[in-house]
C-alpha atoms as a PDB file:
ATOM      1  CA  MET A   1       0.000   0.000   0.000  1.00  0.00           C
ATOM      2  CA  SER A   2       1.378   3.361  -0.970  1.00  0.00           C
ATOM      3  CA  THR A   3       1.672   6.132   1.591  1.00  0.00           C
ATOM      4  CA  VAL A   4       1.252   9.865   1.154  1.00  0.00           C
ATOM      5  CA  SER A   5       3.780  12.170   2.728  1.00  0.00           C
ATOM      6  CA  SER A   6       3.171  15.764   3.701  1.00  0.00           C
ATOM      7  CA  THR A   7       4.697  18.357   1.382  1.00  0.00           C
ATOM      8  CA  SER A   8       5.544  21.889   2.351  1.00  0.00           C
ATOM      9  CA  SER A   9       4.405  24.643   0.000  1.00  0.00           C
ATOM     10  CA  ALA A  10       7.540  26.684   0.583  1.00  0.00           C
ATOM     11  CA  GLY A  11      11.163  25.869   0.002  1.00  0.00           C
ATOM     12  CA  SER A  12      10.494  22.501  -1.629  1.00  0.00           C
ATOM     13  CA  GLY A  13      12.482  23.300  -4.754  1.00  0.00           C
ATOM     14  CA  ARG A  14       9.818  21.689  -6.926  1.00  0.00           C
ATOM     15  CA  PRO A  15       8.284  23.521  -9.881  1.00  0.00           C
ATOM     16  CA  ALA A  16       4.899  25.093  -9.305  1.00  0.00           C
ATOM     17  CA  ILE A  17       1.981  23.071 -10.548  1.00  0.00           C
ATOM     18  CA  GLY A  18       0.228  26.145 -11.919  1.00  0.00           C
ATOM     19  CA  GLY A  19      -3.336  27.196 -12.571  1.00  0.00           C
ATOM     20  CA  ARG A  20      -3.947  24.300 -14.929  1.00  0.00           C
ATOM     21  CA  ASP A  21      -4.017  21.821 -12.048  1.00  0.00           C
ATOM     22  CA  LEU A  22      -6.224  24.136 -10.002  1.00  0.00           C
ATOM     23  CA  ARG A  23      -8.756  24.217 -12.833  1.00  0.00           C
ATOM     24  CA  ARG A  24      -8.454  20.458 -13.241  1.00  0.00           C
ATOM     25  CA  ALA A  25      -9.130  19.975  -9.523  1.00  0.00           C
ATOM     26  CA  ALA A  26     -12.205  22.222  -9.750  1.00  0.00           C
ATOM     27  CA  ARG A  27     -13.528  20.247 -12.711  1.00  0.00           C
ATOM     28  CA  THR A  28     -12.884  16.983 -10.854  1.00  0.00           C
ATOM     29  CA  ALA A  29     -14.809  18.219  -7.811  1.00  0.00           C
ATOM     30  CA  GLY A  30     -17.716  19.273 -10.010  1.00  0.00           C
ATOM     31  CA  SER A  31     -17.728  15.945 -11.813  1.00  0.00           C
ATOM     32  CA  CYS A  32     -17.658  13.993  -8.538  1.00  0.00           C
ATOM     33  CA  THR A  33     -20.536  16.058  -7.178  1.00  0.00           C
ATOM     34  CA  LEU A  34     -22.617  15.524 -10.320  1.00  0.00           C
ATOM     35  CA  LEU A  35     -21.870  11.793 -10.301  1.00  0.00           C
ATOM     36  CA  PHE A  36     -22.836  11.420  -6.650  1.00  0.00           C
ATOM     37  CA  VAL A  37     -26.047  13.408  -7.218  1.00  0.00           C
ATOM     38  CA  ILE A  38     -26.986  11.116 -10.099  1.00  0.00           C
ATOM     39  CA  ILE A  39     -26.372   8.064  -7.907  1.00  0.00           C
ATOM     40  CA  ALA A  40     -27.552   9.285  -4.495  1.00  0.00           C
ATOM     41  CA  ASP A  41     -30.874  10.884  -5.426  1.00  0.00           C
ATOM     42  CA  PRO A  42     -32.346   7.762  -7.100  1.00  0.00           C
ATOM     43  CA  LEU A  43     -31.143   5.584  -4.209  1.00  0.00           C
ATOM     44  CA  ALA A  44     -32.695   7.931  -1.652  1.00  0.00           C
ATOM     45  CA  LEU A  45     -35.901   8.250  -3.658  1.00  0.00           C
ATOM     46  CA  LEU A  46     -36.127   4.464  -3.978  1.00  0.00           C
ATOM     47  CA  ALA A  47     -35.653   3.975  -0.230  1.00  0.00           C
ATOM     48  CA  GLY A  48     -38.219   6.645   0.616  1.00  0.00           C
ATOM     49  CA  THR A  49     -40.715   5.293  -1.898  1.00  0.00           C
ATOM     50  CA  LEU A  50     -40.426   1.717  -0.649  1.00  0.00           C
ATOM     51  CA  VAL A  51     -40.962   2.754   2.964  1.00  0.00           C
ATOM     52  CA  THR A  52     -43.876   5.004   2.063  1.00  0.00           C
ATOM     53  CA  LEU A  53     -45.543   2.379  -0.133  1.00  0.00           C
ATOM     54  CA  GLY A  54     -45.066  -0.239   2.581  1.00  0.00           C
ATOM     55  CA  VAL A  55     -46.706   1.929   5.222  1.00  0.00           C
ATOM     56  CA  GLY A  56     -49.373   3.041   2.787  1.00  0.00           C
ATOM     57  CA  ARG A  57     -50.212  -0.547   1.906  1.00  0.00           C
ATOM     58  CA  ALA A  58     -50.487  -1.453   5.583  1.00  0.00           C
ATOM     59  CA  LEU A  59     -52.698   1.552   6.391  1.00  0.00           C
ATOM     60  CA  TRP A  60     -54.573   1.816   3.112  1.00  0.00           C
ATOM     61  CA  SER A  61     -58.146   2.859   3.707  1.00  0.00           C
ATOM     62  CA  SER A  62     -60.615   5.513   2.711  1.00  0.00           C
ATOM     63  CA  ASN A  63     -59.603   7.529   5.757  1.00  0.00           C
ATOM     64  CA  PHE A  64     -58.273  10.858   4.470  1.00  0.00           C
ATOM     65  CA  VAL A  65     -56.230  11.452   7.639  1.00  0.00           C
ATOM     66  CA  LEU A  66     -54.298   8.202   7.235  1.00  0.00           C
ATOM     67  CA  GLU A  67     -53.620   8.926   3.578  1.00  0.00           C
ATOM     68  CA  ALA A  68     -52.329  12.395   4.482  1.00  0.00           C
ATOM     69  CA  LEU A  69     -50.061  10.905   7.142  1.00  0.00           C
ATOM     70  CA  VAL A  70     -48.555   8.569   4.541  1.00  0.00           C
ATOM     71  CA  LEU A  71     -47.786  11.544   2.285  1.00  0.00           C
ATOM     72  CA  VAL A  72     -46.201  13.424   5.190  1.00  0.00           C
ATOM     73  CA  LEU A  73     -44.093  10.367   5.966  1.00  0.00           C
ATOM     74  CA  CYS A  74     -42.573  10.579   2.487  1.00  0.00           C
ATOM     75  CA  TYR A  75     -41.146  14.008   3.369  1.00  0.00           C
ATOM     76  CA  PHE A  76     -39.192  12.441   6.236  1.00  0.00           C
ATOM     77  CA  THR A  77     -38.196   9.175   4.587  1.00  0.00           C
ATOM     78  CA  PHE A  78     -36.496  10.859   1.630  1.00  0.00           C
ATOM     79  CA  PRO A  79     -33.929  12.776   3.763  1.00  0.00           C
ATOM     80  CA  VAL A  80     -33.217   9.573   5.702  1.00  0.00           C
ATOM     81  CA  GLY A  81     -32.670   7.852   2.380  1.00  0.00           C
ATOM     82  CA  VAL A  82     -30.271  10.627   1.349  1.00  0.00           C
ATOM     83  CA  VAL A  83     -28.149  10.088   4.469  1.00  0.00           C
ATOM     84  CA  LEU A  84     -28.096   6.307   3.972  1.00  0.00           C
ATOM     85  CA  ALA A  85     -27.230   6.656   0.289  1.00  0.00           C
ATOM     86  CA  LEU A  86     -24.357   9.037   1.075  1.00  0.00           C
ATOM     87  CA  ALA A  87     -23.046   6.631   3.717  1.00  0.00           C
ATOM     88  CA  VAL A  88     -22.990   3.857   1.107  1.00  0.00           C
ATOM     89  CA  LEU A  89     -21.245   6.099  -1.438  1.00  0.00           C
ATOM     90  CA  ARG A  90     -18.649   7.128   1.144  1.00  0.00           C
ATOM     91  CA  PHE A  91     -17.928   3.459   1.870  1.00  0.00           C
ATOM     92  CA  LEU A  92     -17.576   2.689  -1.845  1.00  0.00           C
ATOM     93  CA  PHE A  93     -15.710   5.735  -3.150  1.00  0.00           C
ATOM     94  CA  ALA A  94     -14.245   7.776  -0.274  1.00  0.00           C
ATOM     95  CA  ARG A  95     -12.963   5.388   2.363  1.00  0.00           C
ATOM     96  CA  GLY A  96      -9.863   6.102   4.409  1.00  0.00           C
ATOM     97  CA  PRO A  97      -8.652   8.883   6.707  1.00  0.00           C
ATOM     98  CA  LEU A  98      -7.581  12.285   5.446  1.00  0.00           C
ATOM     99  CA  PRO A  99      -3.935  12.924   6.376  1.00  0.00           C
ATOM    100  CA  ALA A 100      -3.230  16.354   7.828  1.00  0.00           C
ATOM    101  CA  GLY A 101      -0.647  18.397   5.960  1.00  0.00           C
ATOM    102  CA  THR A 102      -0.088  20.367   2.758  1.00  0.00           C
ATOM    103  CA  TYR A 103      -0.343  18.567  -0.577  1.00  0.00           C
ATOM    104  CA  PRO A 104      -0.336  19.306  -4.315  1.00  0.00           C
ATOM    105  CA  LEU A 105      -3.789  19.334  -5.838  1.00  0.00           C
ATOM    106  CA  ASN A 106      -2.914  16.356  -8.018  1.00  0.00           C
ATOM    107  CA  SER A 107      -1.821  14.173  -5.094  1.00  0.00           C
ATOM    108  CA  PRO A 108      -3.722  11.072  -3.859  1.00  0.00           C
ATOM    109  CA  ALA A 109      -4.564  12.875  -0.593  1.00  0.00           C
ATOM    110  CA  ALA A 110      -6.112  15.807  -2.477  1.00  0.00           C
ATOM    111  CA  ARG A 111      -8.127  13.489  -4.720  1.00  0.00           C
ATOM    112  CA  LEU A 112      -9.480  11.642  -1.657  1.00  0.00           C
ATOM    113  CA  TRP A 113     -10.419  14.982  -0.112  1.00  0.00           C
ATOM    114  CA  LEU A 114     -12.227  15.996  -3.330  1.00  0.00           C
ATOM    115  CA  ARG A 115     -14.395  12.875  -3.190  1.00  0.00           C
ATOM    116  CA  LYS A 116     -15.200  13.369   0.493  1.00  0.00           C
ATOM    117  CA  ALA A 117     -15.926  17.082  -0.023  1.00  0.00           C
ATOM    118  CA  ALA A 118     -18.236  16.322  -2.946  1.00  0.00           C
ATOM    119  CA  LEU A 119     -20.253  13.906  -0.807  1.00  0.00           C
ATOM    120  CA  ALA A 120     -20.403  16.295   2.157  1.00  0.00           C
ATOM    121  CA  SER A 121     -21.697  19.120  -0.069  1.00  0.00           C
ATOM    122  CA  LEU A 122     -24.644  17.188  -1.521  1.00  0.00           C
ATOM    123  CA  PRO A 123     -27.254  17.963   1.194  1.00  0.00           C
ATOM    124  CA  ARG A 124     -26.576  21.687   0.738  1.00  0.00           C
ATOM    125  CA  ARG A 125     -27.704  21.313  -2.889  1.00  0.00           C
ATOM    126  CA  SER A 126     -30.822  19.360  -2.001  1.00  0.00           C
ATOM    127  CA  PHE A 127     -34.417  20.543  -1.623  1.00  0.00           C
ATOM    128  CA  PHE A 128     -34.322  18.870   1.806  1.00  0.00           C
ATOM    129  CA  ARG A 129     -31.166  20.674   2.940  1.00  0.00           C
ATOM    130  CA  ASN A 130     -32.667  22.007   6.178  1.00  0.00           C
ATOM    131  CA  ALA A 131     -34.050  18.570   7.064  1.00  0.00           C
ATOM    132  CA  VAL A 132     -30.492  17.235   6.966  1.00  0.00           C
ATOM    133  CA  THR A 133     -28.451  20.230   8.133  1.00  0.00           C
ATOM    134  CA  GLY A 134     -30.860  22.156  10.350  1.00  0.00           C
ATOM    135  CA  TYR A 135     -32.271  21.581  13.832  1.00  0.00           C
ATOM    136  CA  SER A 136     -32.823  17.881  13.309  1.00  0.00           C
ATOM    137  CA  PHE A 137     -31.329  14.599  14.491  1.00  0.00           C
ATOM    138  CA  LEU A 138     -30.573  13.963  10.813  1.00  0.00           C
ATOM    139  CA  GLY A 139     -27.901  16.676  10.894  1.00  0.00           C
ATOM    140  CA  ARG A 140     -25.919  14.759  13.493  1.00  0.00           C
ATOM    141  CA  LEU A 141     -26.624  11.467  11.728  1.00  0.00           C
ATOM    142  CA  PHE A 142     -25.371  12.908   8.442  1.00  0.00           C
ATOM    143  CA  LEU A 143     -22.114  14.175   9.984  1.00  0.00           C
ATOM    144  CA  ARG A 144     -21.482  10.799  11.612  1.00  0.00           C
ATOM    145  CA  ALA A 145     -22.202   9.049   8.292  1.00  0.00           C
ATOM    146  CA  MET A 146     -19.540  11.273   6.702  1.00  0.00           C
ATOM    147  CA  GLY A 147     -16.948  10.315   9.321  1.00  0.00           C
ATOM    148  CA  SER A 148     -17.294  13.094  11.891  1.00  0.00           C
ATOM    149  CA  THR A 149     -17.099  12.536  15.641  1.00  0.00           C
ATOM    150  CA  VAL A 150     -20.228  14.193  17.042  1.00  0.00           C
ATOM    151  CA  GLY A 151     -21.168  14.186  20.707  1.00  0.00           C
ATOM    152  CA  ARG A 152     -24.567  14.058  22.345  1.00  0.00           C
ATOM    153  CA  ARG A 153     -27.059  16.942  22.361  1.00  0.00           C
ATOM    154  CA  VAL A 154     -25.210  18.822  19.617  1.00  0.00           C
ATOM    155  CA  LEU A 155     -27.299  21.542  17.957  1.00  0.00           C
ATOM    156  CA  LEU A 156     -26.702  22.515  14.327  1.00  0.00           C
ATOM    157  CA  GLY A 157     -28.391  25.652  13.038  1.00  0.00           C
ATOM    158  CA  VAL A 158     -30.107  26.185   9.706  1.00  0.00           C
ATOM    159  CA  ASP A 159     -27.636  26.461   6.802  1.00  0.00           C
ATOM    160  CA  THR A 160     -24.768  25.395   9.044  1.00  0.00           C
ATOM    161  CA  THR A 161     -21.876  24.024   6.984  1.00  0.00           C
ATOM    162  CA  VAL A 162     -19.296  21.541   8.222  1.00  0.00           C
ATOM    163  CA  ALA A 163     -17.199  21.341   5.073  1.00  0.00           C
ATOM    164  CA  ASP A 164     -14.945  18.478   6.173  1.00  0.00           C
ATOM    165  CA  PRO A 165     -16.823  16.154   8.521  1.00  0.00           C
ATOM    166  CA  ALA A 166     -14.084  13.513   8.433  1.00  0.00           C
ATOM    167  CA  MET A 167     -11.662  16.000  10.036  1.00  0.00           C
ATOM    168  CA  THR A 168     -14.093  17.673  12.447  1.00  0.00           C
ATOM    169  CA  THR A 169     -14.803  16.719  16.058  1.00  0.00           C
ATOM    170  CA  ILE A 170     -17.752  18.273  17.897  1.00  0.00           C
ATOM    171  CA  GLY A 171     -18.097  17.760  21.645  1.00  0.00           C
ATOM    172  CA  ASP A 172     -21.186  17.074  23.757  1.00  0.00           C
ATOM    173  CA  GLY A 173     -23.672  19.920  23.996  1.00  0.00           C
ATOM    174  CA  ALA A 174     -21.953  22.145  21.430  1.00  0.00           C
ATOM    175  CA  LEU A 175     -23.984  24.658  19.425  1.00  0.00           C
ATOM    176  CA  ILE A 176     -23.156  25.783  15.883  1.00  0.00           C
ATOM    177  CA  GLY A 177     -25.370  28.677  14.881  1.00  0.00           C
ATOM    178  CA  ASP A 178     -27.271  29.480  11.699  1.00  0.00           C
ATOM    179  CA  GLY A 179     -25.084  30.024   8.655  1.00  0.00           C
ATOM    180  CA  ALA A 180     -21.819  29.209  10.432  1.00  0.00           C
ATOM    181  CA  PHE A 181     -19.063  27.655   8.316  1.00  0.00           C
ATOM    182  CA  VAL A 182     -16.527  25.205   9.761  1.00  0.00           C
ATOM    183  CA  SER A 183     -13.706  24.198   7.415  1.00  0.00           C
ATOM    184  CA  ALA A 184     -10.734  21.893   7.927  1.00  0.00           C
ATOM    185  CA  HIS A 185      -9.155  22.728   4.582  1.00  0.00           C
ATOM    186  CA  LEU A 186      -7.621  25.663   2.756  1.00  0.00           C
ATOM    187  CA  ILE A 187      -6.639  25.903  -0.915  1.00  0.00           C
ATOM    188  CA  ASP A 188      -3.809  28.338  -1.587  1.00  0.00           C
ATOM    189  CA  ARG A 189      -3.133  28.481  -5.326  1.00  0.00           C
ATOM    190  CA  ASP A 190      -1.891  24.982  -6.166  1.00  0.00           C
ATOM    191  CA  ARG A 191      -1.730  23.563  -2.636  1.00  0.00           C
ATOM    192  CA  LEU A 192      -4.323  21.971  -0.391  1.00  0.00           C
ATOM    193  CA  THR A 193      -3.812  22.298   3.357  1.00  0.00           C
ATOM    194  CA  MET A 194      -5.801  20.051   5.694  1.00  0.00           C
ATOM    195  CA  ALA A 195      -5.824  20.258   9.485  1.00  0.00           C
ATOM    196  CA  PRO A 196      -8.393  18.821  11.925  1.00  0.00           C
ATOM    197  CA  VAL A 197     -10.872  21.096  13.707  1.00  0.00           C
ATOM    198  CA  THR A 198     -12.009  20.438  17.273  1.00  0.00           C
ATOM    199  CA  ILE A 199     -15.018  22.104  18.881  1.00  0.00           C
ATOM    200  CA  GLY A 200     -15.150  21.424  22.599  1.00  0.00           C
ATOM    201  CA  ARG A 201     -17.966  20.419  24.879  1.00  0.00           C
ATOM    202  CA  ARG A 202     -20.703  23.018  25.318  1.00  0.00           C
ATOM    203  CA  ALA A 203     -18.835  25.412  22.996  1.00  0.00           C
ATOM    204  CA  THR A 204     -20.835  27.925  20.963  1.00  0.00           C
ATOM    205  CA  ILE A 205     -20.084  28.940  17.389  1.00  0.00           C
ATOM    206  CA  GLY A 206     -22.189  32.007  16.634  1.00  0.00           C
ATOM    207  CA  ALA A 207     -24.323  32.551  13.558  1.00  0.00           C
ATOM    208  CA  LEU A 208     -22.402  33.367  10.354  1.00  0.00           C
ATOM    209  CA  ALA A 209     -19.050  32.722  12.038  1.00  0.00           C
ATOM    210  CA  PHE A 210     -16.158  31.111  10.155  1.00  0.00           C
ATOM    211  CA  VAL A 211     -13.818  28.588  11.788  1.00  0.00           C
ATOM    212  CA  GLY A 212     -10.663  27.795   9.815  1.00  0.00           C
ATOM    213  CA  PRO A 213      -8.563  24.626   9.542  1.00  0.00           C
ATOM    214  CA  GLY A 214      -6.544  23.502  12.538  1.00  0.00           C
ATOM    215  CA  THR A 215      -8.654  25.503  14.987  1.00  0.00           C
ATOM    216  CA  GLN A 216      -9.218  24.167  18.491  1.00  0.00           C
ATOM    217  CA  VAL A 217     -12.185  25.624  20.373  1.00  0.00           C
ATOM    218  CA  GLY A 218     -12.109  24.754  24.065  1.00  0.00           C
ATOM    219  CA  ASP A 219     -14.899  23.612  26.346  1.00  0.00           C
ATOM    220  CA  ASP A 220     -17.532  26.288  27.117  1.00  0.00           C
ATOM    221  CA  ALA A 221     -15.805  28.714  24.726  1.00  0.00           C
ATOM    222  CA  VAL A 222     -17.754  31.152  22.554  1.00  0.00           C
ATOM    223  CA  VAL A 223     -17.039  32.351  19.019  1.00  0.00           C
ATOM    224  CA  ALA A 224     -19.153  35.458  18.513  1.00  0.00           C
ATOM    225  CA  THR A 225     -21.570  36.061  15.649  1.00  0.00           C
ATOM    226  CA  GLY A 226     -19.803  36.860  12.374  1.00  0.00           C
ATOM    227  CA  ALA A 227     -16.318  36.213  13.755  1.00  0.00           C
ATOM    228  CA  VAL A 228     -13.590  34.900  11.444  1.00  0.00           C
ATOM    229  CA  VAL A 229     -11.268  32.516  13.261  1.00  0.00           C
ATOM    230  CA  ALA A 230      -7.966  32.164  11.409  1.00  0.00           C
ATOM    231  CA  ARG A 231      -6.407  28.768  10.811  1.00  0.00           C
ATOM    232  CA  HIS A 232      -4.494  27.033  13.608  1.00  0.00           C
ATOM    233  CA  THR A 233      -6.073  29.243  16.269  1.00  0.00           C
ATOM    234  CA  ARG A 234      -6.307  27.830  19.787  1.00  0.00           C
ATOM    235  CA  ILE A 235      -9.205  29.108  21.879  1.00  0.00           C
ATOM    236  CA  SER A 236      -8.921  28.042  25.495  1.00  0.00           C
ATOM    237  CA  ASN A 237     -11.767  26.890  27.721  1.00  0.00           C
ATOM    238  CA  ARG A 238     -14.417  29.537  28.514  1.00  0.00           C
ATOM    239  CA  GLU A 239     -12.805  32.212  26.325  1.00  0.00           C
ATOM    240  CA  ILE A 240     -14.919  34.538  24.173  1.00  0.00           C
ATOM    241  CA  TRP A 241     -13.554  35.425  20.739  1.00  0.00           C
ATOM    242  CA  GLY A 242     -14.978  37.871  18.212  1.00  0.00           C
ATOM    243  CA  GLY A 243     -14.121  40.183  15.364  1.00  0.00           C
ATOM    244  CA  VAL A 244     -12.403  39.931  11.978  1.00  0.00           C
ATOM    245  CA  PRO A 245      -9.912  38.432  12.416  1.00  0.00           C
ATOM    246  CA  ALA A 246     -11.139  36.949  15.668  1.00  0.00           C
ATOM    247  CA  ARG A 247      -9.315  37.706  18.900  1.00  0.00           C
ATOM    248  CA  LYS A 248     -10.030  37.212  22.575  1.00  0.00           C
ATOM    249  CA  ILE A 249     -12.566  39.744  23.826  1.00  0.00           C
ATOM    250  CA  GLY A 250     -13.591  38.223  27.131  1.00  0.00           C
ATOM    251  CA  GLU A 251     -13.857  35.196  29.354  1.00  0.00           C
ATOM    252  CA  ILE A 252     -16.732  33.333  30.992  1.00  0.00           C
ATOM    253  CA  GLU A 253     -16.508  32.748  34.729  1.00  0.00           C
ATOM    254  CA  VAL A 254     -16.563  29.108  35.791  1.00  0.00           C
ATOM    255  CA  GLY A 255     -19.757  29.444  37.823  1.00  0.00           C
ATOM    256  CA  ALA A 256     -21.521  31.348  35.062  1.00  0.00           C
ATOM    257  CA  ALA A 257     -20.715  28.674  32.488  1.00  0.00           C
ATOM    258  CA  GLU A 258     -21.967  25.884  34.727  1.00  0.00           C
ATOM    259  CA  THR A 259     -25.167  27.779  35.551  1.00  0.00           C
ATOM    260  CA  PHE A 260     -25.881  28.515  31.867  1.00  0.00           C
ATOM    261  CA  HIS A 261     -25.453  24.947  30.647  1.00  0.00           C
ATOM    262  CA  SER A 262     -27.376  23.377  33.525  1.00  0.00           C
ATOM    263  CA  ALA A 263     -30.383  25.640  32.943  1.00  0.00           C
END
């Protein structure tokens, strides 16, 4: 089995790959996304249809209420089918851990990341995006299906984006607000940098905030609304960070944090 070694983007002495490979990587990501959409949507629709028809057959009657309930069930079974279909596609096409480091865009590590990123982006392009990514147990189920470590009682807001679930860990009781974006990767010209992101227990990521690769958010810490946390930032327990770029603006007292989360 071949191994992939980390490559520094500076001082390597190797010729630059150039914009051609960046465009090729973008086309590859688009092709992977289209392919997975073509495969995942029919699988999810088939699963949802089978469940709905099975329940409908069991409850079939002239009762309008029961028939309406069967139709409502279809709305919930399709998103579940999407998550299951994506889990199958990940097992078939995007298995294996993502190695942290900096890599050329034409490297095996970058190609694996492209496949994983294409799968993770599919719910955001779906009509049922908020059923999978919003305030729903399906959001946590989806992240786990994509390889993320997600604790208990985690809340994900509407339009929340975890771009790299396989490199993201979210602790118990954490809250990620509406429109927040958590990314474990960065593309700088012809190089892809990947670094795991950790969000601690009971941490809060405010609405529309951005958390960059390699960031560690401590337990009970708060990232304020609209903050931009630069890559490789370490936020200690109970610290409050805000601004662009984000910096420490306060700290939560131990007793206050315990009182808030026990309420």
